[in-house]
Protein backbone atom coordinates (compact mmCIF):
# COMPACT_ATOMS: atom_id res chain seq x y z
CA MET A 1 -1.77 -1.49 18.69
CA LYS A 2 0.58 -0.50 16.48
CA PHE A 3 3.58 -3.05 16.10
CA THR A 4 6.55 -2.25 13.82
CA ARG A 5 9.89 -3.26 13.06
CA PHE A 6 12.62 -0.61 12.82
CA GLU A 7 16.42 -0.29 12.76
CA VAL A 8 18.70 1.96 15.10
CA LYS A 9 22.33 1.98 14.31
CA GLY A 10 22.06 -0.91 12.14
CA ALA A 11 20.45 -3.28 14.69
CA VAL A 12 16.67 -4.38 13.81
CA HIS A 13 14.29 -4.02 16.80
CA THR A 14 10.59 -5.23 16.91
CA GLY A 15 8.28 -2.69 18.83
CA VAL A 16 5.10 -1.09 19.65
CA ALA A 17 4.50 2.55 18.16
CA GLU A 18 2.75 5.05 20.49
CA GLY A 19 2.57 8.79 19.79
CA GLY A 20 5.92 8.89 18.14
CA ILE A 21 8.00 6.61 20.34
CA PHE A 22 9.17 3.28 19.58
CA LYS A 23 8.68 1.23 22.34
CA GLU A 24 10.97 -2.15 22.02
CA ILE A 25 9.59 -5.48 22.59
CA LYS A 26 11.25 -8.79 22.80
CA GLY A 27 9.29 -12.34 21.98
CA ASP A 28 6.76 -13.58 19.48
CA ILE A 29 4.14 -10.99 18.35
CA PHE A 30 1.79 -13.49 17.79
CA GLY A 31 2.30 -15.35 21.02
CA ASP A 32 4.19 -14.20 24.32
CA TRP A 33 6.25 -10.94 24.22
CA GLU A 34 6.85 -8.19 26.69
CA TYR A 35 8.66 -4.48 26.47
CA THR A 36 12.07 -4.44 27.25
CA GLY A 37 11.97 -0.72 28.64
CA GLN A 38 14.22 0.83 26.11
CA SER A 39 12.36 3.22 23.92
CA PHE A 40 13.53 5.39 20.77
CA SER A 41 11.83 8.67 19.32
CA GLN A 42 11.09 8.95 15.93
CA ASP A 43 14.16 10.67 14.81
CA GLU A 44 16.19 7.75 15.71
CA VAL A 45 14.46 5.03 13.91
CA LYS A 46 14.21 4.05 10.25
CA GLN A 47 11.29 2.04 10.19
CA LEU A 48 11.26 -1.18 8.59
CA ALA A 49 8.46 -3.75 6.96
CA PRO A 50 6.16 -4.24 10.13
CA LEU A 51 7.07 -7.88 9.59
CA VAL A 52 8.85 -10.56 7.69
CA PRO A 53 5.82 -12.38 6.30
CA ASN A 54 5.77 -16.37 6.02
CA GLN A 55 3.79 -16.24 2.78
CA ILE A 56 2.05 -13.22 0.61
CA ILE A 57 -1.13 -14.08 -1.27
CA GLY A 58 -2.81 -11.47 -3.22
CA ILE A 59 -6.44 -11.28 -5.19
CA GLY A 60 -6.89 -9.62 -8.54
CA ALA A 61 -9.55 -7.32 -9.54
CA ASN A 62 -11.37 -7.41 -6.54
CA TYR A 63 -12.97 -3.55 -6.25
CA VAL A 64 -15.86 -2.05 -8.08
CA SER A 65 -16.24 1.95 -8.31
CA VAL A 66 -19.71 2.24 -6.91
CA LYS A 67 -22.05 -0.05 -4.87
CA PRO A 68 -24.69 -0.91 -7.43
CA ASP A 69 -21.95 -2.33 -9.49
CA LEU A 70 -21.00 -5.06 -7.08
CA PRO A 71 -22.10 -8.54 -9.08
CA ASP A 72 -25.10 -10.68 -7.59
CA THR A 73 -22.91 -13.69 -8.26
CA LEU A 74 -19.55 -14.28 -7.06
CA PRO A 75 -16.64 -16.20 -9.06
CA GLU A 76 -16.75 -19.41 -8.06
CA ILE A 77 -12.98 -19.52 -8.27
CA PRO A 78 -11.25 -16.46 -7.13
CA VAL A 79 -8.39 -15.14 -8.98
CA PHE A 80 -5.44 -15.49 -6.06
CA PHE A 81 -1.61 -15.52 -7.01
CA PHE A 82 1.39 -15.59 -4.67
CA LYS A 83 3.95 -12.87 -4.09
CA PRO A 84 7.42 -13.74 -3.19
CA VAL A 85 8.80 -12.49 0.41
CA SER A 86 12.19 -11.45 -1.28
CA SER A 87 9.85 -8.59 -2.68
CA VAL A 88 8.86 -6.97 0.31
CA ILE A 89 10.45 -3.35 1.49
CA GLY A 90 9.32 -1.00 4.15
CA PRO A 91 8.56 2.52 4.35
CA ASP A 92 10.69 5.07 2.35
CA GLU A 93 12.38 2.44 0.35
CA ASP A 94 12.80 2.59 -3.35
CA ILE A 95 10.76 0.75 -5.70
CA ILE A 96 12.85 -0.61 -8.43
CA ILE A 97 11.47 -0.68 -12.06
CA PRO A 98 13.16 -3.78 -13.60
CA GLU A 99 15.52 -3.25 -16.78
CA GLY A 100 13.88 -3.35 -19.86
CA ILE A 101 10.98 -1.23 -19.34
CA GLU A 102 10.11 2.77 -18.13
CA GLU A 103 6.78 2.09 -16.21
CA VAL A 104 5.14 -0.04 -13.39
CA LYS A 105 1.61 -0.10 -11.57
CA PHE A 106 1.08 0.71 -7.92
CA GLU A 107 -1.88 -0.79 -6.41
CA SER A 108 -2.77 0.67 -2.81
CA GLU A 109 -4.28 -2.54 -0.55
CA LEU A 110 -5.55 -3.10 2.81
CA ALA A 111 -3.14 -6.10 3.61
CA VAL A 112 -4.22 -8.51 6.30
CA VAL A 113 -1.92 -10.42 8.89
CA ILE A 114 -3.01 -13.87 9.62
CA GLY A 115 -2.22 -14.52 13.75
CA ARG A 116 -3.31 -18.13 14.15
CA GLU A 117 -3.02 -21.49 12.40
CA ALA A 118 -6.25 -21.27 10.02
CA LYS A 119 -7.78 -24.22 8.35
CA ASN A 120 -11.39 -24.82 7.06
CA VAL A 121 -12.45 -21.69 8.80
CA ALA A 122 -15.95 -20.68 8.56
CA GLU A 123 -16.97 -17.06 7.15
CA SER A 124 -18.17 -16.09 10.58
CA ASP A 125 -15.17 -17.11 12.53
CA VAL A 126 -12.43 -15.53 10.18
CA LEU A 127 -11.48 -12.20 12.14
CA ASP A 128 -10.74 -14.60 15.01
CA TYR A 129 -7.61 -15.65 13.09
CA VAL A 130 -6.52 -12.09 12.05
CA PHE A 131 -3.75 -10.47 14.05
CA GLY A 132 -3.88 -7.06 12.56
CA TYR A 133 -3.87 -4.84 9.41
CA THR A 134 -1.19 -3.11 7.33
CA VAL A 135 -0.94 -0.92 4.30
CA GLY A 136 0.44 -2.82 1.18
CA ASN A 137 1.48 -1.88 -2.26
CA ASP A 138 1.08 -4.52 -4.70
CA VAL A 139 3.37 -3.04 -7.40
CA THR A 140 3.06 -4.58 -10.69
CA ALA A 141 4.76 -4.96 -14.19
CA PRO A 142 2.11 -5.78 -16.53
CA GLN A 143 4.55 -6.32 -19.20
CA PHE A 144 5.76 -9.20 -17.95
CA PHE A 145 2.34 -10.98 -17.80
CA HIS A 146 2.37 -14.37 -19.73
CA ASN A 147 -0.41 -14.45 -22.98
CA ASP A 148 -2.01 -17.37 -21.20
CA GLY A 149 -3.08 -15.13 -18.09
CA HIS A 150 -0.27 -15.91 -15.62
CA TRP A 151 0.80 -13.08 -13.43
CA THR A 152 3.86 -14.52 -11.43
CA ILE A 153 6.75 -12.81 -12.70
CA GLY A 154 5.11 -9.39 -13.40
CA LYS A 155 4.01 -9.39 -9.34
CA SER A 156 7.70 -10.84 -8.26
CA PHE A 157 10.14 -8.41 -8.84
CA ASP A 158 12.34 -7.45 -5.78
CA THR A 159 10.99 -4.48 -4.12
CA PHE A 160 7.61 -5.10 -5.51
CA THR A 161 5.75 -5.36 -2.16
CA PRO A 162 6.17 -2.33 0.29
CA LEU A 163 4.25 -3.18 3.41
CA GLY A 164 4.04 -1.00 6.69
CA PRO A 165 4.00 1.40 8.24
CA VAL A 166 2.63 -0.67 11.46
CA ILE A 167 0.58 -3.64 11.94
CA GLU A 168 -2.67 -2.24 13.53
CA THR A 169 -4.44 -4.63 15.70
CA ASP A 170 -7.36 -2.29 16.82
CA LEU A 171 -9.37 -2.00 13.36
CA ASP A 172 -12.54 -2.42 11.66
CA PRO A 173 -11.45 -3.60 8.15
CA PHE A 174 -15.10 -2.75 6.59
CA GLN A 175 -15.19 0.84 7.75
CA VAL A 176 -11.70 2.14 6.54
CA LYS A 177 -11.33 3.60 3.03
CA VAL A 178 -7.78 2.62 1.00
CA GLU A 179 -6.20 5.67 -0.80
CA ALA A 180 -3.37 6.41 -2.62
CA LYS A 181 -1.64 9.85 -3.93
CA LEU A 182 0.89 9.88 -6.71
CA ASN A 183 3.14 12.58 -6.50
CA GLY A 184 0.67 14.77 -4.20
CA SER A 185 -2.41 14.11 -6.52
CA GLU A 186 -5.22 11.44 -5.06
CA LYS A 187 -5.55 8.68 -7.33
CA GLN A 188 -7.32 6.10 -5.03
CA ASN A 189 -9.97 6.43 -2.46
CA SER A 190 -12.56 3.56 -1.79
CA SER A 191 -14.06 1.86 1.01
CA THR A 192 -13.57 -1.78 1.50
CA GLU A 193 -17.21 -2.21 1.24
CA LEU A 194 -16.55 -2.24 -2.62
CA MET A 195 -14.78 -5.15 -2.44
CA ILE A 196 -16.20 -7.84 -4.88
CA ILE A 197 -15.26 -10.61 -2.53
CA PRO A 198 -15.43 -9.31 0.76
CA ILE A 199 -12.53 -10.37 3.51
CA ARG A 200 -14.37 -12.86 5.58
CA LYS A 201 -15.06 -14.85 2.26
CA MET A 202 -11.85 -14.51 0.94
CA ILE A 203 -9.90 -15.72 3.80
CA SER A 204 -12.60 -18.50 4.87
CA TYR A 205 -12.10 -19.44 0.89
CA LEU A 206 -8.16 -19.76 1.32
CA THR A 207 -8.35 -21.92 4.48
CA ASN A 208 -10.47 -24.28 2.71
CA VAL A 209 -7.58 -24.70 0.04
CA MET A 210 -4.54 -24.26 2.17
CA THR A 211 -3.41 -23.96 5.91
CA LEU A 212 -2.73 -20.13 6.74
CA MET A 213 -0.06 -19.54 9.38
CA PRO A 214 1.14 -17.01 11.70
CA GLY A 215 2.48 -14.10 9.71
CA ASP A 216 0.84 -15.08 6.08
CA VAL A 217 -0.01 -11.67 4.69
CA ILE A 218 -3.32 -11.56 2.53
CA LEU A 219 -3.52 -8.43 0.12
CA THR A 220 -7.07 -8.11 -0.40
CA GLY A 221 -7.30 -6.04 -3.86
CA SER A 222 -6.80 -2.68 -5.09
CA PRO A 223 -9.44 0.08 -5.70
CA VAL A 224 -10.10 1.61 -8.87
CA GLY A 225 -7.49 4.15 -9.79
CA ALA A 226 -4.07 2.26 -9.86
CA GLU A 227 -1.73 4.07 -12.80
CA MET A 228 1.11 3.08 -14.36
CA VAL A 229 3.97 5.35 -12.93
CA ARG A 230 7.88 6.19 -13.86
CA SER A 231 11.11 6.84 -11.97
CA GLY A 232 11.01 9.57 -9.79
CA ASP A 233 7.38 9.30 -8.87
CA VAL A 234 6.34 9.23 -5.32
CA ILE A 235 3.52 7.06 -4.10
CA GLU A 236 1.76 7.42 -0.78
CA CYS A 237 -0.48 4.56 -0.16
CA GLU A 238 -2.67 5.41 3.01
CA ILE A 239 -5.46 3.93 5.32
CA LYS A 240 -5.92 6.54 7.72
CA GLU A 241 -6.32 4.28 10.86
CA ILE A 242 -2.86 2.34 10.24
CA GLY A 243 -0.50 5.18 8.34
CA THR A 244 0.89 6.32 5.33
CA LEU A 245 3.24 4.17 3.29
CA ARG A 246 5.55 6.05 1.17
CA ASN A 247 8.05 4.84 -1.66
CA THR A 248 9.66 6.33 -4.74
CA PHE A 249 9.99 4.67 -7.98
CA ALA A 250 13.70 4.32 -9.37
CA VAL A 251 15.01 2.43 -12.18
CA ALA A 252 17.46 -0.23 -11.74
CA ARG A 253 20.84 1.63 -12.64
CA GLU A 254 19.59 4.72 -10.94
CA SER A 255 19.46 2.59 -7.77
CA ALA A 256 23.03 0.48 -8.39
CA LYS A 257 24.80 4.33 -8.80
CA THR A 258 23.75 4.92 -4.93
CA VAL A 259 24.72 1.60 -3.35
C-alpha cells in the first residue's frame, strides 16, 4: 500500500494512493485505521511529506561504487547522526539554501519507516519492525561541518529533509535502485546491494543503542554521485517502486519574496 499525507483546501488529510486517487483514511497508520469513504483526484490535492517523523536518524558514507569495493570488515561504530523533524518538507516544496552560502548538496536515499517499538532486535527480525519505505533527500551544507567532524549544523537547516511522495509498505528493500536526476540529468543510480552497512545490520545496531519507535525514519545512506547544487536547480530523487521526490533549490531571500 502507498500511504500519504495531502492537503485539500487548507485541510490536511491522511490517505492511501491508488492509481491517481487519494482515498482518505482515519486512525493510526501504525495501528488501527479505516477508510472514510472520501476520495480525491490528483488534481485536487497537494501532497505533503507522507508522515511527520518521530525522529530522523541518518548514516554517513554508506555506499561503494561497485560490489568488489565492499569492505571485508565493517566499521565497529557506524557514523550515525540525527536530523531535526523541523527540517522535513514534502514533494515540490523549495529547499532553501541558507544565507551566506551559494551551494548545498543533494543526497538521494532510501528511507526506512519504523512501525513497531524496537529494542535489541536481531538482524534476522529487523523487517518485522519496519512499516514501510519512502524516498528521502539528506540535503547537506558541508560548509557548516565542524572541523572536528561534527555534522549536526550542516544537516539541520529547515527544508533539509524532503520525504515522499508516499510510504510504500510492499517493497523488497534489497532489490531497488536509489536514483537522482539533477535538472533532468542522471547523477545517482545504485542498487541498495552497494550499501556498506546493510539495512538489517544498521537497524539492529541502532536498536541495541536506543529504542526505536513507530514513526522513526532511518535514512540509509546516499549512493555515489551526489553533487553541490545552486538556486534554481531541480532535484528528482527516485526509487521507482515508491515514486519520485521532486524539489527545487532556492536561496533564502528569493523564498522570502514569494511569501
